[in-house]
Amino acid sequence: MGLDTITETSAEIVRWGTFFTAVFLALGVAAGWLETELGIGLGIPSLSVAPRLRLPILTLCFLVAVFAVPISNAVVEALF
């Protein structure tokens, strides 16, 4: 395995990781919205509070999606 192969493989892994992180972020936002709407519509207060508890996880997913490429580029440059 050459250096180009390792670089291409790591770039592909980062692309897929970024893709899945963005998908999880979108699903988390949609699930939170749906849960809140059901909680308000059905009058169940516990459902309208639950999305606030999920906010730190969604923020973490967003930060990973934003910073994945610069971090991976820095790691590849440091290693090779």
PDB file of N, CA and C in Angstrom:
ATOM      1  N   MET A   1       0.843  -1.185   0.000  1.00  0.00           N
ATOM      2  CA  MET A   1       0.000   0.000   0.000  1.00  0.00           C
ATOM      3  C   MET A   1       0.881   1.238   0.000  1.00  0.00           C
ATOM      4  N   GLY A   2       0.592   2.093  -0.944  1.00  0.00           N
ATOM      5  CA  GLY A   2       1.344   3.326  -1.016  1.00  0.00           C
ATOM      6  C   GLY A   2       0.690   4.434  -0.231  1.00  0.00           C
ATOM      7  N   LEU A   3       1.360   5.533  -0.214  1.00  0.00           N
ATOM      8  CA  LEU A   3       0.865   6.708   0.500  1.00  0.00           C
ATOM      9  C   LEU A   3      -0.428   7.224  -0.114  1.00  0.00           C
ATOM     10  N   ASP A   4      -0.539   7.162  -1.444  1.00  0.00           N
ATOM     11  CA  ASP A   4      -1.755   7.626  -2.104  1.00  0.00           C
ATOM     12  C   ASP A   4      -2.959   6.774  -1.735  1.00  0.00           C
ATOM     13  N   THR A   5      -2.750   5.488  -1.622  1.00  0.00           N
ATOM     14  CA  THR A   5      -3.841   4.587  -1.261  1.00  0.00           C
ATOM     15  C   THR A   5      -4.334   4.865   0.154  1.00  0.00           C
ATOM     16  N   ILE A   6      -3.419   5.084   1.060  1.00  0.00           N
ATOM     17  CA  ILE A   6      -3.792   5.382   2.442  1.00  0.00           C
ATOM     18  C   ILE A   6      -4.524   6.716   2.522  1.00  0.00           C
ATOM     19  N   THR A   7      -4.050   7.699   1.793  1.00  0.00           N
ATOM     20  CA  THR A   7      -4.694   9.011   1.795  1.00  0.00           C
ATOM     21  C   THR A   7      -6.096   8.928   1.213  1.00  0.00           C
ATOM     22  N   GLU A   8      -6.243   8.208   0.101  1.00  0.00           N
ATOM     23  CA  GLU A   8      -7.567   8.063  -0.515  1.00  0.00           C
ATOM     24  C   GLU A   8      -8.524   7.297   0.391  1.00  0.00           C
ATOM     25  N   THR A   9      -8.021   6.263   1.039  1.00  0.00           N
ATOM     26  CA  THR A   9      -8.867   5.477   1.936  1.00  0.00           C
ATOM     27  C   THR A   9      -9.317   6.304   3.133  1.00  0.00           C
ATOM     28  N   SER A  10      -8.409   7.064   3.720  1.00  0.00           N
ATOM     29  CA  SER A  10      -8.790   7.889   4.867  1.00  0.00           C
ATOM     30  C   SER A  10      -9.759   8.991   4.447  1.00  0.00           C
ATOM     31  N   ALA A  11      -9.568   9.553   3.260  1.00  0.00           N
ATOM     32  CA  ALA A  11     -10.503  10.577   2.775  1.00  0.00           C
ATOM     33  C   ALA A  11     -11.885   9.981   2.557  1.00  0.00           C
ATOM     34  N   GLU A  12     -11.949   8.765   2.043  1.00  0.00           N
ATOM     35  CA  GLU A  12     -13.244   8.104   1.829  1.00  0.00           C
ATOM     36  C   GLU A  12     -13.935   7.803   3.158  1.00  0.00           C
ATOM     37  N   ILE A  13     -13.173   7.388   4.144  1.00  0.00           N
ATOM     38  CA  ILE A  13     -13.744   7.127   5.476  1.00  0.00           C
ATOM     39  C   ILE A  13     -14.304   8.412   6.073  1.00  0.00           C
ATOM     40  N   VAL A  14     -13.579   9.504   5.914  1.00  0.00           N
ATOM     41  CA  VAL A  14     -14.054  10.788   6.444  1.00  0.00           C
ATOM     42  C   VAL A  14     -15.316  11.229   5.708  1.00  0.00           C
ATOM     43  N   ARG A  15     -15.358  11.033   4.385  1.00  0.00           N
ATOM     44  CA  ARG A  15     -16.562  11.412   3.626  1.00  0.00           C
ATOM     45  C   ARG A  15     -17.774  10.639   4.107  1.00  0.00           C
ATOM     46  N   TRP A  16     -17.624   9.328   4.298  1.00  0.00           N
ATOM     47  CA  TRP A  16     -18.738   8.528   4.779  1.00  0.00           C
ATOM     48  C   TRP A  16     -19.123   8.906   6.208  1.00  0.00           C
ATOM     49  N   GLY A  17     -18.125   9.168   7.046  1.00  0.00           N
ATOM     50  CA  GLY A  17     -18.423   9.597   8.413  1.00  0.00           C
ATOM     51  C   GLY A  17     -19.178  10.915   8.450  1.00  0.00           C
ATOM     52  N   THR A  18     -18.774  11.845   7.603  1.00  0.00           N
ATOM     53  CA  THR A  18     -19.470  13.126   7.526  1.00  0.00           C
ATOM     54  C   THR A  18     -20.893  12.938   7.027  1.00  0.00           C
ATOM     55  N   PHE A  19     -21.063  12.070   6.034  1.00  0.00           N
ATOM     56  CA  PHE A  19     -22.397  11.793   5.497  1.00  0.00           C
ATOM     57  C   PHE A  19     -23.318  11.233   6.571  1.00  0.00           C
ATOM     58  N   PHE A  20     -22.846  10.204   7.299  1.00  0.00           N
ATOM     59  CA  PHE A  20     -23.693   9.605   8.315  1.00  0.00           C
ATOM     60  C   PHE A  20     -23.955  10.555   9.482  1.00  0.00           C
ATOM     61  N   THR A  21     -22.990  11.383   9.822  1.00  0.00           N
ATOM     62  CA  THR A  21     -23.208  12.372  10.874  1.00  0.00           C
ATOM     63  C   THR A  21     -24.284  13.366  10.458  1.00  0.00           C
ATOM     64  N   ALA A  22     -24.239  13.809   9.208  1.00  0.00           N
ATOM     65  CA  ALA A  22     -25.264  14.739   8.713  1.00  0.00           C
ATOM     66  C   ALA A  22     -26.637  14.075   8.684  1.00  0.00           C
ATOM     67  N   VAL A  23     -26.685  12.791   8.309  1.00  0.00           N
ATOM     68  CA  VAL A  23     -27.959  12.076   8.294  1.00  0.00           C
ATOM     69  C   VAL A  23     -28.516  11.956   9.714  1.00  0.00           C
ATOM     70  N   PHE A  24     -27.659  11.589  10.671  1.00  0.00           N
ATOM     71  CA  PHE A  24     -28.111  11.483  12.058  1.00  0.00           C
ATOM     72  C   PHE A  24     -28.568  12.835  12.601  1.00  0.00           C
ATOM     73  N   LEU A  25     -27.879  13.897  12.213  1.00  0.00           N
ATOM     74  CA  LEU A  25     -28.284  15.235  12.634  1.00  0.00           C
ATOM     75  C   LEU A  25     -29.658  15.578  12.084  1.00  0.00           C
ATOM     76  N   ALA A  26     -29.871  15.309  10.798  1.00  0.00           N
ATOM     77  CA  ALA A  26     -31.167  15.596  10.191  1.00  0.00           C
ATOM     78  C   ALA A  26     -32.275  14.755  10.820  1.00  0.00           C
ATOM     79  N   LEU A  27     -32.007  13.480  11.068  1.00  0.00           N
ATOM     80  CA  LEU A  27     -33.006  12.628  11.705  1.00  0.00           C
ATOM     81  C   LEU A  27     -33.301  13.075  13.136  1.00  0.00           C
ATOM     82  N   GLY A  28     -32.277  13.508  13.842  1.00  0.00           N
ATOM     83  CA  GLY A  28     -32.485  13.981  15.215  1.00  0.00           C
ATOM     84  C   GLY A  28     -33.328  15.244  15.268  1.00  0.00           C
ATOM     85  N   VAL A  29     -33.077  16.163  14.347  1.00  0.00           N
ATOM     86  CA  VAL A  29     -33.870  17.398  14.302  1.00  0.00           C
ATOM     87  C   VAL A  29     -35.310  17.074  13.930  1.00  0.00           C
ATOM     88  N   ALA A  30     -35.499  16.215  12.928  1.00  0.00           N
ATOM     89  CA  ALA A  30     -36.855  15.846  12.514  1.00  0.00           C
ATOM     90  C   ALA A  30     -37.596  15.099  13.625  1.00  0.00           C
ATOM     91  N   ALA A  31     -36.913  14.194  14.304  1.00  0.00           N
ATOM     92  CA  ALA A  31     -37.555  13.454  15.396  1.00  0.00           C
ATOM     93  C   ALA A  31     -37.920  14.381  16.552  1.00  0.00           C
ATOM     94  N   GLY A  32     -37.048  15.336  16.857  1.00  0.00           N
ATOM     95  CA  GLY A  32     -37.356  16.301  17.911  1.00  0.00           C
ATOM     96  C   GLY A  32     -38.553  17.168  17.571  1.00  0.00           C
ATOM     97  N   TRP A  33     -38.633  17.596  16.313  1.00  0.00           N
ATOM     98  CA  TRP A  33     -39.772  18.413  15.884  1.00  0.00           C
ATOM     99  C   TRP A  33     -41.057  17.610  15.966  1.00  0.00           C
ATOM    100  N   LEU A  34     -41.022  16.368  15.468  1.00  0.00           N
ATOM    101  CA  LEU A  34     -42.213  15.527  15.479  1.00  0.00           C
ATOM    102  C   LEU A  34     -42.644  15.213  16.910  1.00  0.00           C
ATOM    103  N   GLU A  35     -41.690  14.937  17.767  1.00  0.00           N
ATOM    104  CA  GLU A  35     -42.008  14.632  19.160  1.00  0.00           C
ATOM    105  C   GLU A  35     -42.634  15.836  19.861  1.00  0.00           C
ATOM    106  N   THR A  36     -42.110  17.020  19.589  1.00  0.00           N
ATOM    107  CA  THR A  36     -42.670  18.226  20.185  1.00  0.00           C
ATOM    108  C   THR A  36     -44.081  18.489  19.683  1.00  0.00           C
ATOM    109  N   GLU A  37     -44.288  18.329  18.380  1.00  0.00           N
ATOM    110  CA  GLU A  37     -45.623  18.539  17.814  1.00  0.00           C
ATOM    111  C   GLU A  37     -46.632  17.556  18.402  1.00  0.00           C
ATOM    112  N   LEU A  38     -46.237  16.304  18.553  1.00  0.00           N
ATOM    113  CA  LEU A  38     -47.137  15.329  19.163  1.00  0.00           C
ATOM    114  C   LEU A  38     -47.399  15.660  20.624  1.00  0.00           C
ATOM    115  N   GLY A  39     -46.371  16.100  21.343  1.00  0.00           N
ATOM    116  CA  GLY A  39     -46.538  16.455  22.747  1.00  0.00           C
ATOM    117  C   GLY A  39     -47.493  17.618  22.934  1.00  0.00           C
ATOM    118  N   ILE A  40     -47.383  18.620  22.069  1.00  0.00           N
ATOM    119  CA  ILE A  40     -48.281  19.779  22.171  1.00  0.00           C
ATOM    120  C   ILE A  40     -49.688  19.400  21.711  1.00  0.00           C
ATOM    121  N   GLY A  41     -49.763  18.668  20.600  1.00  0.00           N
ATOM    122  CA  GLY A  41     -51.073  18.295  20.058  1.00  0.00           C
ATOM    123  C   GLY A  41     -51.857  17.358  20.957  1.00  0.00           C
ATOM    124  N   LEU A  42     -51.180  16.428  21.591  1.00  0.00           N
ATOM    125  CA  LEU A  42     -51.855  15.451  22.448  1.00  0.00           C
ATOM    126  C   LEU A  42     -51.894  15.871  23.910  1.00  0.00           C
ATOM    127  N   GLY A  43     -51.237  16.978  24.227  1.00  0.00           N
ATOM    128  CA  GLY A  43     -51.248  17.472  25.598  1.00  0.00           C
ATOM    129  C   GLY A  43     -50.385  16.654  26.547  1.00  0.00           C
ATOM    130  N   ILE A  44     -49.297  16.104  26.047  1.00  0.00           N
ATOM    131  CA  ILE A  44     -48.388  15.316  26.877  1.00  0.00           C
ATOM    132  C   ILE A  44     -47.123  16.157  27.096  1.00  0.00           C
ATOM    133  N   PRO A  45     -46.988  16.773  28.265  1.00  0.00           N
ATOM    134  CA  PRO A  45     -45.862  17.687  28.465  1.00  0.00           C
ATOM    135  C   PRO A  45     -44.496  17.014  28.421  1.00  0.00           C
ATOM    136  N   SER A  46     -44.425  15.741  28.764  1.00  0.00           N
ATOM    137  CA  SER A  46     -43.112  15.085  28.768  1.00  0.00           C
ATOM    138  C   SER A  46     -42.541  14.978  27.358  1.00  0.00           C
ATOM    139  N   LEU A  47     -43.381  14.872  26.343  1.00  0.00           N
ATOM    140  CA  LEU A  47     -42.891  14.810  24.976  1.00  0.00           C
ATOM    141  C   LEU A  47     -42.343  16.152  24.503  1.00  0.00           C
ATOM    142  N   SER A  48     -42.905  17.242  24.988  1.00  0.00           N
ATOM    143  CA  SER A  48     -42.417  18.551  24.544  1.00  0.00           C
ATOM    144  C   SER A  48     -41.152  18.970  25.286  1.00  0.00           C
ATOM    145  N   VAL A  49     -40.786  18.280  26.362  1.00  0.00           N
ATOM    146  CA  VAL A  49     -39.547  18.573  27.088  1.00  0.00           C
ATOM    147  C   VAL A  49     -38.387  17.744  26.542  1.00  0.00           C
ATOM    148  N   ALA A  50     -38.659  16.543  26.055  1.00  0.00           N
ATOM    149  CA  ALA A  50     -37.617  15.608  25.630  1.00  0.00           C
ATOM    150  C   ALA A  50     -36.657  16.165  24.574  1.00  0.00           C
ATOM    151  N   PRO A  51     -37.098  16.941  23.571  1.00  0.00           N
ATOM    152  CA  PRO A  51     -36.126  17.449  22.588  1.00  0.00           C
ATOM    153  C   PRO A  51     -35.048  18.340  23.187  1.00  0.00           C
ATOM    154  N   ARG A  52     -35.353  19.012  24.288  1.00  0.00           N
ATOM    155  CA  ARG A  52     -34.326  19.842  24.921  1.00  0.00           C
ATOM    156  C   ARG A  52     -33.202  18.986  25.493  1.00  0.00           C
ATOM    157  N   LEU A  53     -33.544  17.781  25.907  1.00  0.00           N
ATOM    158  CA  LEU A  53     -32.530  16.881  26.428  1.00  0.00           C
ATOM    159  C   LEU A  53     -31.643  16.341  25.304  1.00  0.00           C
ATOM    160  N   ARG A  54     -32.152  16.326  24.080  1.00  0.00           N
ATOM    161  CA  ARG A  54     -31.407  15.814  22.943  1.00  0.00           C
ATOM    162  C   ARG A  54     -30.522  16.889  22.312  1.00  0.00           C
ATOM    163  N   LEU A  55     -30.663  18.121  22.706  1.00  0.00           N
ATOM    164  CA  LEU A  55     -29.921  19.234  22.105  1.00  0.00           C
ATOM    165  C   LEU A  55     -28.404  19.086  22.194  1.00  0.00           C
ATOM    166  N   PRO A  56     -27.822  18.668  23.326  1.00  0.00           N
ATOM    167  CA  PRO A  56     -26.357  18.493  23.348  1.00  0.00           C
ATOM    168  C   PRO A  56     -25.859  17.450  22.350  1.00  0.00           C
ATOM    169  N   ILE A  57     -26.613  16.378  22.152  1.00  0.00           N
ATOM    170  CA  ILE A  57     -26.201  15.356  21.192  1.00  0.00           C
ATOM    171  C   ILE A  57     -26.273  15.904  19.777  1.00  0.00           C
ATOM    172  N   LEU A  58     -27.317  16.647  19.456  1.00  0.00           N
ATOM    173  CA  LEU A  58     -27.426  17.244  18.128  1.00  0.00           C
ATOM    174  C   LEU A  58     -26.328  18.275  17.896  1.00  0.00           C
ATOM    175  N   THR A  59     -25.983  19.022  18.927  1.00  0.00           N
ATOM    176  CA  THR A  59     -24.892  19.997  18.798  1.00  0.00           C
ATOM    177  C   THR A  59     -23.572  19.280  18.546  1.00  0.00           C
ATOM    178  N   LEU A  60     -23.342  18.178  19.242  1.00  0.00           N
ATOM    179  CA  LEU A  60     -22.128  17.400  19.026  1.00  0.00           C
ATOM    180  C   LEU A  60     -22.070  16.840  17.600  1.00  0.00           C
ATOM    181  N   CYS A  61     -23.187  16.317  17.096  1.00  0.00           N
ATOM    182  CA  CYS A  61     -23.231  15.820  15.715  1.00  0.00           C
ATOM    183  C   CYS A  61     -22.936  16.936  14.731  1.00  0.00           C
ATOM    184  N   PHE A  62     -23.471  18.113  14.982  1.00  0.00           N
ATOM    185  CA  PHE A  62     -23.217  19.250  14.102  1.00  0.00           C
ATOM    186  C   PHE A  62     -21.741  19.636  14.114  1.00  0.00           C
ATOM    187  N   LEU A  63     -21.154  19.693  15.288  1.00  0.00           N
ATOM    188  CA  LEU A  63     -19.744  20.052  15.381  1.00  0.00           C
ATOM    189  C   LEU A  63     -18.846  19.013  14.705  1.00  0.00           C
ATOM    190  N   VAL A  64     -19.176  17.738  14.853  1.00  0.00           N
ATOM    191  CA  VAL A  64     -18.396  16.700  14.187  1.00  0.00           C
ATOM    192  C   VAL A  64     -18.527  16.833  12.675  1.00  0.00           C
ATOM    193  N   ALA A  65     -19.739  17.119  12.189  1.00  0.00           N
ATOM    194  CA  ALA A  65     -19.940  17.281  10.748  1.00  0.00           C
ATOM    195  C   ALA A  65     -19.160  18.481  10.211  1.00  0.00           C
ATOM    196  N   VAL A  66     -19.098  19.546  10.968  1.00  0.00           N
ATOM    197  CA  VAL A  66     -18.408  20.752  10.506  1.00  0.00           C
ATOM    198  C   VAL A  66     -16.894  20.584  10.561  1.00  0.00           C
ATOM    199  N   PHE A  67     -16.392  19.978  11.633  1.00  0.00           N
ATOM    200  CA  PHE A  67     -14.951  19.924  11.830  1.00  0.00           C
ATOM    201  C   PHE A  67     -14.297  18.621  11.382  1.00  0.00           C
ATOM    202  N   ALA A  68     -15.041  17.689  10.821  1.00  0.00           N
ATOM    203  CA  ALA A  68     -14.463  16.397  10.437  1.00  0.00           C
ATOM    204  C   ALA A  68     -13.404  16.550   9.359  1.00  0.00           C
ATOM    205  N   VAL A  69     -13.673  17.331   8.356  1.00  0.00           N
ATOM    206  CA  VAL A  69     -12.725  17.463   7.249  1.00  0.00           C
ATOM    207  C   VAL A  69     -11.446  18.183   7.675  1.00  0.00           C
ATOM    208  N   PRO A  70     -11.516  19.341   8.340  1.00  0.00           N
ATOM    209  CA  PRO A  70     -10.259  19.972   8.759  1.00  0.00           C
ATOM    210  C   PRO A  70      -9.430  19.112   9.718  1.00  0.00           C
ATOM    211  N   ILE A  71     -10.094  18.406  10.614  1.00  0.00           N
ATOM    212  CA  ILE A  71      -9.366  17.558  11.553  1.00  0.00           C
ATOM    213  C   ILE A  71      -8.700  16.401  10.811  1.00  0.00           C
ATOM    214  N   SER A  72      -9.428  15.776   9.896  1.00  0.00           N
ATOM    215  CA  SER A  72      -8.833  14.654   9.158  1.00  0.00           C
ATOM    216  C   SER A  72      -7.696  15.126   8.271  1.00  0.00           C
ATOM    217  N   ASN A  73      -7.819  16.300   7.678  1.00  0.00           N
ATOM    218  CA  ASN A  73      -6.715  16.838   6.877  1.00  0.00           C
ATOM    219  C   ASN A  73      -5.480  17.079   7.744  1.00  0.00           C
ATOM    220  N   ALA A  74      -5.674  17.589   8.938  1.00  0.00           N
ATOM    221  CA  ALA A  74      -4.551  17.837   9.833  1.00  0.00           C
ATOM    222  C   ALA A  74      -3.901  16.522  10.257  1.00  0.00           C
ATOM    223  N   VAL A  75      -4.713  15.482  10.502  1.00  0.00           N
ATOM    224  CA  VAL A  75      -4.158  14.193  10.900  1.00  0.00           C
ATOM    225  C   VAL A  75      -3.366  13.583   9.755  1.00  0.00           C
ATOM    226  N   VAL A  76      -3.915  13.644   8.537  1.00  0.00           N
ATOM    227  CA  VAL A  76      -3.211  13.075   7.377  1.00  0.00           C
ATOM    228  C   VAL A  76      -1.897  13.826   7.135  1.00  0.00           C
ATOM    229  N   GLU A  77      -1.919  15.154   7.260  1.00  0.00           N
ATOM    230  CA  GLU A  77      -0.677  15.937   7.077  1.00  0.00           C
ATOM    231  C   GLU A  77       0.345  15.618   8.167  1.00  0.00           C
ATOM    232  N   ALA A  78      -0.116  15.404   9.389  1.00  0.00           N
ATOM    233  CA  ALA A  78       0.808  15.109  10.472  1.00  0.00           C
ATOM    234  C   ALA A  78       1.425  13.719  10.319  1.00  0.00           C
ATOM    235  N   LEU A  79       0.645  12.768   9.844  1.00  0.00           N
ATOM    236  CA  LEU A  79       1.161  11.411   9.700  1.00  0.00           C
ATOM    237  C   LEU A  79       2.011  11.224   8.457  1.00  0.00           C
ATOM    238  N   PHE A  80       1.661  11.923   7.398  1.00  0.00           N
ATOM    239  CA  PHE A  80       2.354  11.677   6.128  1.00  0.00           C
ATOM    240  C   PHE A  80       3.009  12.954   5.668  1.00  0.00           C
TER     241      PHE A  80
END
